[in-house]
């Protein structure tokens, strides 16, 4: 069992007795279903399970016989049960930290935090983007912190940093109903849920909706037991697989950081008109867009992820692109840091 002993690092990551509440899987039958999905065609390499609680899913994964399972749990209440499992399963490793703090950890520049990251990712191989998958991760996406972690993934993937420096890591996420509706939203019939994150999920990942579960399969962490019950009726198991072609043929010129900014900027207000906005970047480009089927009333929120990708690929292919004011705006955006969230994205 790994216990990170650097005092400053641990205090900065939050007290183990004052963790923000989260859900953990408590139903053994559902855990068996989920474990089969996670372990399917996985004969080598690590699986990470985040915030396993008492280890119901952990047991199910171990019963299948995976080579290496690393769980991240900080609540002391659950550690004895996990330790009992590790005593009889040498392929189980326990890290007494909350992996969802990864965005905060990586923002630090001290050797203390480098040591924390080394512990998190020890033994994980690095593969090229079009090679095999190095790692699978399971989490429950229901709390604000877990949703922020998913937004963090969308931000670091274009640069192939953080988790994605190891390659195309796959995620199995048990999503809240609200976040699931955002991922599956369509511009025409789900405008309220159709956000920039919707577009980026579908551009960057192959999204497979595997199974719907009743919310009762999960239980709250100790700090949430006396609080208002989550109003979601269902949770949805979704597999997020980064697209192998993302950095080769999908985005024009492999400008994946550019399209991240392009989508975040233009979908912040989905009611923005395409032609006037684009002419703000490149003067008199409207006729070129009209030839592609746009009209003066077309809104960014009317366009599907595929249409937005086509729009960006056209825009970035124009000779004026490299010297356009779009680049200056993008540099300012990245100078501030791309992880700043709009409040409506998390509600």
Protein backbone atom coordinates (compact mmCIF):
# COMPACT_ATOMS: atom_id res chain seq x y z
CA UNK A 1 0.00 0.00 0.00
CA UNK A 2 1.40 3.35 -1.05
CA UNK A 3 1.11 6.20 1.46
CA UNK A 4 2.56 9.46 0.19
CA UNK A 5 4.42 10.80 3.18
CA UNK A 6 5.44 14.25 1.99
CA UNK A 7 3.55 16.46 4.42
CA UNK A 8 3.31 19.57 2.28
CA UNK A 9 2.02 17.63 -0.71
CA UNK A 10 -0.59 15.78 1.32
CA UNK A 11 -1.89 18.91 3.02
CA UNK A 12 -2.19 20.69 -0.31
CA UNK A 13 -4.19 17.81 -1.78
CA UNK A 14 -6.77 17.98 1.02
CA UNK A 15 -7.20 16.29 4.37
CA UNK A 16 -8.13 12.62 4.21
CA UNK A 17 -10.81 13.31 6.85
CA UNK A 18 -12.35 16.27 4.99
CA UNK A 19 -12.75 14.93 1.49
CA UNK A 20 -15.50 16.36 -0.67
CA UNK A 21 -18.23 13.74 -0.98
CA UNK A 22 -18.45 11.39 -3.94
CA UNK A 23 -20.28 8.28 -4.97
CA UNK A 24 -18.90 4.77 -4.85
CA UNK A 25 -20.28 1.56 -6.36
CA UNK A 26 -22.02 -0.60 -3.77
CA UNK A 27 -24.11 -3.10 -5.78
CA UNK A 28 -22.24 -6.33 -6.48
CA UNK A 29 -24.38 -7.43 -9.44
CA UNK A 30 -23.89 -4.10 -11.23
CA UNK A 31 -20.19 -4.22 -10.34
CA UNK A 32 -19.89 -7.55 -12.17
CA UNK A 33 -21.43 -6.02 -15.31
CA UNK A 34 -19.15 -2.98 -15.17
CA UNK A 35 -16.04 -5.07 -14.48
CA UNK A 36 -16.70 -7.17 -17.58
CA UNK A 37 -16.88 -4.05 -19.73
CA UNK A 38 -13.68 -2.62 -18.21
CA UNK A 39 -11.72 -5.86 -18.56
CA UNK A 40 -12.93 -6.86 -22.01
CA UNK A 41 -9.97 -7.57 -24.31
CA UNK A 42 -7.56 -6.34 -21.64
CA UNK A 43 -4.85 -8.91 -21.14
CA UNK A 44 -1.92 -6.66 -20.21
CA UNK A 45 -1.37 -3.32 -18.58
CA UNK A 46 -2.86 -1.35 -15.72
CA UNK A 47 -6.41 -0.50 -14.78
CA UNK A 48 -6.92 2.51 -12.48
CA UNK A 49 -10.02 2.63 -10.29
CA UNK A 50 -10.71 6.04 -8.75
CA UNK A 51 -12.40 6.34 -5.35
CA UNK A 52 -13.42 2.66 -5.00
CA UNK A 53 -14.94 3.06 -1.53
CA UNK A 54 -15.18 -0.35 0.17
CA UNK A 55 -14.00 -2.14 -2.98
CA UNK A 56 -17.13 -3.73 -4.48
CA UNK A 57 -16.00 -3.05 -8.05
CA UNK A 58 -12.41 -3.77 -7.03
CA UNK A 59 -13.40 -7.33 -6.06
CA UNK A 60 -15.25 -7.81 -9.34
CA UNK A 61 -12.27 -6.67 -11.40
CA UNK A 62 -9.87 -8.86 -9.43
CA UNK A 63 -12.12 -11.90 -9.87
CA UNK A 64 -11.70 -11.57 -13.65
CA UNK A 65 -7.94 -11.76 -13.23
CA UNK A 66 -6.45 -8.54 -14.57
CA UNK A 67 -2.64 -8.26 -14.44
CA UNK A 68 -2.44 -4.95 -12.55
CA UNK A 69 -5.09 -2.94 -10.71
CA UNK A 70 -4.22 0.36 -9.01
CA UNK A 71 -6.91 1.96 -6.84
CA UNK A 72 -6.89 5.51 -5.50
CA UNK A 73 -8.71 5.95 -2.20
CA UNK A 74 -8.15 8.59 0.48
CA UNK A 75 -11.02 8.02 2.91
CA UNK A 76 -9.63 6.10 5.87
CA UNK A 77 -12.94 4.34 6.48
CA UNK A 78 -12.46 2.21 3.36
CA UNK A 79 -8.75 1.46 3.61
CA UNK A 80 -8.98 -1.63 5.88
CA UNK A 81 -11.27 -3.45 3.43
CA UNK A 82 -9.02 -2.54 0.52
CA UNK A 83 -5.96 -3.65 2.49
CA UNK A 84 -7.57 -7.02 3.13
CA UNK A 85 -8.06 -7.42 -0.62
CA UNK A 86 -4.47 -6.45 -1.37
CA UNK A 87 -3.16 -9.03 1.11
CA UNK A 88 -4.65 -11.80 -1.03
CA UNK A 89 -4.14 -10.16 -4.43
CA UNK A 90 -0.55 -9.16 -5.26
CA UNK A 91 -1.80 -7.52 -8.47
CA UNK A 92 -3.70 -4.89 -6.41
CA UNK A 93 -1.94 -1.68 -5.43
CA UNK A 94 -3.51 0.99 -3.22
CA UNK A 95 -2.60 4.68 -3.48
CA UNK A 96 -3.91 6.68 -0.53
CA UNK A 97 -4.68 9.77 -2.59
CA UNK A 98 -7.47 11.21 -4.69
CA UNK A 99 -6.58 10.98 -8.38
CA UNK A 100 -9.20 13.63 -9.19
CA UNK A 101 -6.76 16.19 -7.78
CA UNK A 102 -4.49 15.55 -10.76
CA UNK A 103 -5.24 18.97 -12.37
CA UNK A 104 -4.16 20.74 -9.18
CA UNK A 105 -1.11 18.54 -8.73
CA UNK A 106 0.13 19.16 -12.26
CA UNK A 107 -0.24 22.91 -11.83
CA UNK A 108 2.43 22.83 -9.10
CA UNK A 109 6.11 23.16 -9.92
CA UNK A 110 7.81 21.61 -6.90
CA UNK A 111 9.68 18.33 -6.57
CA UNK A 112 7.13 17.26 -3.94
CA UNK A 113 4.41 17.09 -6.56
CA UNK A 114 6.68 15.43 -9.10
CA UNK A 115 7.09 12.62 -6.58
CA UNK A 116 3.31 12.35 -6.26
CA UNK A 117 2.93 12.06 -10.03
CA UNK A 118 5.71 9.48 -10.19
CA UNK A 119 3.75 7.39 -7.69
CA UNK A 120 0.52 7.76 -9.63
CA UNK A 121 2.00 6.68 -12.96
CA UNK A 122 4.79 4.32 -11.92
CA UNK A 123 5.13 1.47 -14.40
CA UNK A 124 2.79 2.93 -17.04
CA UNK A 125 4.38 2.51 -20.50
CA UNK A 126 4.43 5.30 -23.09
CA UNK A 127 3.03 4.43 -26.52
CA UNK A 128 2.71 6.43 -29.71
CA UNK A 129 -0.78 7.76 -30.39
CA UNK A 130 -1.64 5.19 -33.04
CA UNK A 131 -0.21 2.29 -31.02
CA UNK A 132 -1.94 0.23 -28.33
CA UNK A 133 -3.83 1.63 -25.33
CA UNK A 134 -1.53 1.97 -22.29
CA UNK A 135 -4.10 2.37 -19.52
CA UNK A 136 -7.79 2.11 -18.64
CA UNK A 137 -9.37 4.28 -15.95
CA UNK A 138 -12.73 3.94 -14.19
CA UNK A 139 -14.43 6.79 -12.36
CA UNK A 140 -17.89 7.98 -11.40
CA UNK A 141 -18.68 11.33 -12.99
CA UNK A 142 -21.26 12.85 -10.68
CA UNK A 143 -19.59 15.42 -8.41
CA UNK A 144 -18.43 18.85 -9.50
CA UNK A 145 -14.83 17.75 -8.94
CA UNK A 146 -15.21 14.71 -11.20
CA UNK A 147 -16.84 16.81 -13.95
CA UNK A 148 -13.99 19.31 -13.70
CA UNK A 149 -11.62 16.37 -14.10
CA UNK A 150 -13.40 15.38 -17.32
CA UNK A 151 -13.08 18.97 -18.58
CA UNK A 152 -9.39 18.77 -17.70
CA UNK A 153 -9.08 15.71 -19.95
CA UNK A 154 -10.59 17.67 -22.83
CA UNK A 155 -8.06 20.45 -22.25
CA UNK A 156 -4.87 18.36 -22.03
CA UNK A 157 -5.67 15.87 -24.79
CA UNK A 158 -4.97 18.33 -27.67
CA UNK A 159 -1.42 18.78 -26.33
CA UNK A 160 -0.91 15.09 -25.52
CA UNK A 161 0.21 16.02 -22.02
CA UNK A 162 -0.68 14.70 -18.56
CA UNK A 163 -2.42 11.30 -18.83
CA UNK A 164 -2.25 11.45 -22.62
CA UNK A 165 1.54 11.69 -22.64
CA UNK A 166 1.35 7.91 -22.20
CA UNK A 167 -0.86 7.49 -25.27
CA UNK A 168 -4.55 6.88 -25.94
CA UNK A 169 -5.76 6.15 -22.41
CA UNK A 170 -9.35 4.88 -22.29
CA UNK A 171 -11.96 5.91 -19.73
CA UNK A 172 -14.97 4.06 -18.39
CA UNK A 173 -17.16 6.65 -16.71
CA UNK A 174 -20.37 6.10 -14.77
CA UNK A 175 -21.97 9.42 -15.64
CA UNK A 176 -24.69 11.44 -13.97
CA UNK A 177 -27.82 11.94 -16.02
CA UNK A 178 -26.99 15.62 -16.60
CA UNK A 179 -23.49 14.98 -17.95
CA UNK A 180 -24.74 12.08 -20.06
CA UNK A 181 -27.37 14.34 -21.64
CA UNK A 182 -24.64 16.84 -22.51
CA UNK A 183 -22.49 14.21 -24.20
CA UNK A 184 -25.43 12.88 -26.23
CA UNK A 185 -27.05 16.26 -27.00
CA UNK A 186 -27.90 17.22 -30.57
CA UNK A 187 -27.96 20.86 -31.72
CA UNK A 188 -31.49 20.75 -33.11
CA UNK A 189 -33.44 19.02 -30.33
CA UNK A 190 -31.25 19.51 -27.22
CA UNK A 191 -30.04 23.08 -27.49
CA UNK A 192 -30.06 23.58 -23.70
CA UNK A 193 -27.63 20.69 -23.20
CA UNK A 194 -25.57 21.20 -26.36
CA UNK A 195 -22.34 22.78 -25.08
CA UNK A 196 -18.72 23.15 -26.14
CA UNK A 197 -17.95 20.05 -24.09
CA UNK A 198 -20.53 18.10 -26.14
CA UNK A 199 -18.66 18.95 -29.31
CA UNK A 200 -15.19 18.20 -27.92
CA UNK A 201 -16.22 14.86 -26.40
CA UNK A 202 -17.49 13.78 -29.81
CA UNK A 203 -14.55 15.19 -31.78
CA UNK A 204 -11.82 13.77 -29.55
CA UNK A 205 -13.36 10.45 -28.46
CA UNK A 206 -15.35 7.57 -29.77
CA UNK A 207 -18.24 7.64 -27.29
CA UNK A 208 -19.83 4.26 -26.54
CA UNK A 209 -22.86 4.22 -24.26
CA UNK A 210 -22.65 0.77 -22.70
CA UNK A 211 -25.42 0.43 -20.11
CA UNK A 212 -27.94 2.34 -18.00
CA UNK A 213 -28.06 1.70 -14.25
CA UNK A 214 -30.38 2.75 -11.47
CA UNK A 215 -28.79 5.42 -9.29
CA UNK A 216 -29.23 3.18 -6.25
CA UNK A 217 -26.28 1.02 -7.31
CA UNK A 218 -24.07 3.74 -5.82
CA UNK A 219 -23.71 5.00 -2.29
CA UNK A 220 -22.47 8.30 -0.92
CA UNK A 221 -19.14 8.87 0.74
CA UNK A 222 -19.27 9.42 4.53
CA UNK A 223 -19.45 13.22 4.23
CA UNK A 224 -22.57 13.04 2.02
CA UNK A 225 -24.73 10.56 3.93
CA UNK A 226 -26.84 13.22 5.65
CA UNK A 227 -27.05 15.56 2.69
CA UNK A 228 -29.75 15.85 0.04
CA UNK A 229 -29.96 12.75 -2.07
CA UNK A 230 -28.81 13.05 -5.67
CA UNK A 231 -31.90 13.60 -7.79
CA UNK A 232 -30.65 11.63 -10.80
CA UNK A 233 -32.70 8.50 -11.42
CA UNK A 234 -30.09 6.83 -13.58
CA UNK A 235 -26.37 6.57 -14.15
CA UNK A 236 -24.88 5.74 -17.54
CA UNK A 237 -21.75 3.72 -18.17
CA UNK A 238 -19.89 5.38 -21.05
CA UNK A 239 -16.61 4.39 -22.65
CA UNK A 240 -14.45 7.24 -23.95
CA UNK A 241 -11.82 6.04 -26.44
CA UNK A 242 -9.53 8.71 -27.95
CA UNK A 243 -9.70 8.60 -31.74
CA UNK A 244 -6.53 7.12 -33.28
CA UNK A 245 -6.83 9.43 -36.30
CA UNK A 246 -7.11 12.62 -34.23
CA UNK A 247 -3.48 13.67 -34.78
CA UNK A 248 -3.10 12.28 -38.29
CA UNK A 249 -6.07 12.90 -40.55
CA UNK A 250 -9.04 14.21 -38.59
CA UNK A 251 -8.02 17.83 -37.94
CA UNK A 252 -6.45 19.91 -40.72
CA UNK A 253 -2.71 20.31 -40.19
CA UNK A 254 -2.97 18.41 -36.88
CA UNK A 255 -4.05 21.71 -35.29
CA UNK A 256 -5.82 20.04 -32.37
CA UNK A 257 -5.01 22.81 -29.82
CA UNK A 258 -6.42 25.30 -32.33
CA UNK A 259 -9.71 23.49 -32.71
CA UNK A 260 -10.02 23.19 -28.92
CA UNK A 261 -9.92 26.98 -28.67
CA UNK A 262 -12.12 27.37 -31.75
CA UNK A 263 -14.88 25.24 -30.22
CA UNK A 264 -14.63 26.67 -26.71
CA UNK A 265 -14.71 30.24 -27.98
CA UNK A 266 -17.57 29.87 -30.45
CA UNK A 267 -19.76 27.54 -28.40
CA UNK A 268 -19.52 29.66 -25.24
CA UNK A 269 -22.49 31.52 -26.74
CA UNK A 270 -24.27 29.08 -28.97
CA UNK A 271 -26.44 31.85 -30.41
CA UNK A 272 -23.45 33.53 -32.13
CA UNK A 273 -23.87 33.94 -35.89
CA UNK A 274 -21.28 32.07 -37.95
CA UNK A 275 -20.66 34.42 -40.88
CA UNK A 276 -20.34 37.73 -38.95
CA UNK A 277 -18.12 36.04 -36.35
CA UNK A 278 -15.84 34.44 -38.94
CA UNK A 279 -15.56 37.71 -40.83
CA UNK A 280 -14.26 39.16 -37.59
CA UNK A 281 -11.35 36.74 -37.91
CA UNK A 282 -10.82 37.01 -41.67
CA UNK A 283 -12.38 39.93 -43.51
CA UNK A 284 -14.81 39.18 -46.35
CA UNK A 285 -14.74 35.42 -45.91
CA UNK A 286 -18.55 35.27 -45.93
CA UNK A 287 -18.95 34.34 -49.63
CA UNK A 288 -16.66 31.35 -49.12
CA UNK A 289 -18.87 30.13 -46.28
CA UNK A 290 -22.07 30.73 -48.23
CA UNK A 291 -20.70 28.45 -50.98
CA UNK A 292 -20.44 25.74 -48.31
CA UNK A 293 -24.11 26.06 -47.39
CA UNK A 294 -23.98 28.65 -44.60
CA UNK A 295 -26.40 31.59 -44.53
CA UNK A 296 -26.39 34.82 -42.57
CA UNK A 297 -28.71 33.32 -39.94
CA UNK A 298 -26.68 30.16 -39.25
CA UNK A 299 -25.65 29.96 -35.59
CA UNK A 300 -22.73 28.03 -34.13
CA UNK A 301 -25.22 26.21 -31.92
CA UNK A 302 -27.00 24.95 -35.06
CA UNK A 303 -23.95 23.01 -36.24
CA UNK A 304 -23.19 19.40 -35.33
CA UNK A 305 -19.69 18.35 -34.20
CA UNK A 306 -19.03 17.03 -37.72
CA UNK A 307 -20.12 20.35 -39.26
CA UNK A 308 -18.02 22.35 -36.80
CA UNK A 309 -14.99 20.19 -37.64
CA UNK A 310 -15.59 20.84 -41.35
CA UNK A 311 -15.91 24.58 -40.67
CA UNK A 312 -12.63 24.65 -38.76
CA UNK A 313 -10.82 22.58 -41.38
CA UNK A 314 -11.99 24.99 -44.07
CA UNK A 315 -11.10 28.06 -41.98
CA UNK A 316 -7.62 26.77 -41.10
CA UNK A 317 -6.89 25.93 -44.75
CA UNK A 318 -7.26 29.52 -45.93
CA UNK A 319 -3.99 31.37 -46.65
CA UNK A 320 -4.98 34.20 -44.30
CA UNK A 321 -5.34 31.84 -41.34
CA UNK A 322 -1.78 31.91 -40.00
CA UNK A 323 -1.72 35.71 -39.72
CA UNK A 324 -5.33 36.21 -38.64
CA UNK A 325 -6.39 37.80 -35.37
CA UNK A 326 -7.68 34.35 -34.43
CA UNK A 327 -4.11 33.40 -33.52
CA UNK A 328 -3.67 36.40 -31.25
CA UNK A 329 -6.92 35.56 -29.48
CA UNK A 330 -5.86 31.94 -29.09
CA UNK A 331 -2.50 32.94 -27.59
CA UNK A 332 -4.27 35.14 -25.05
CA UNK A 333 -6.58 32.26 -24.20
CA UNK A 334 -3.76 29.82 -23.59
CA UNK A 335 -1.86 32.49 -21.67
CA UNK A 336 -4.70 32.59 -19.15
CA UNK A 337 -4.91 28.82 -19.00
CA UNK A 338 -7.47 26.70 -20.86
CA UNK A 339 -9.02 25.15 -17.74
CA UNK A 340 -11.09 28.15 -16.69
CA UNK A 341 -14.68 26.93 -16.69
CA UNK A 342 -17.86 28.79 -17.56
CA UNK A 343 -20.41 28.31 -14.78
CA UNK A 344 -23.14 27.16 -17.18
CA UNK A 345 -20.91 24.29 -18.30
CA UNK A 346 -21.12 22.73 -14.84
CA UNK A 347 -24.86 23.18 -14.34
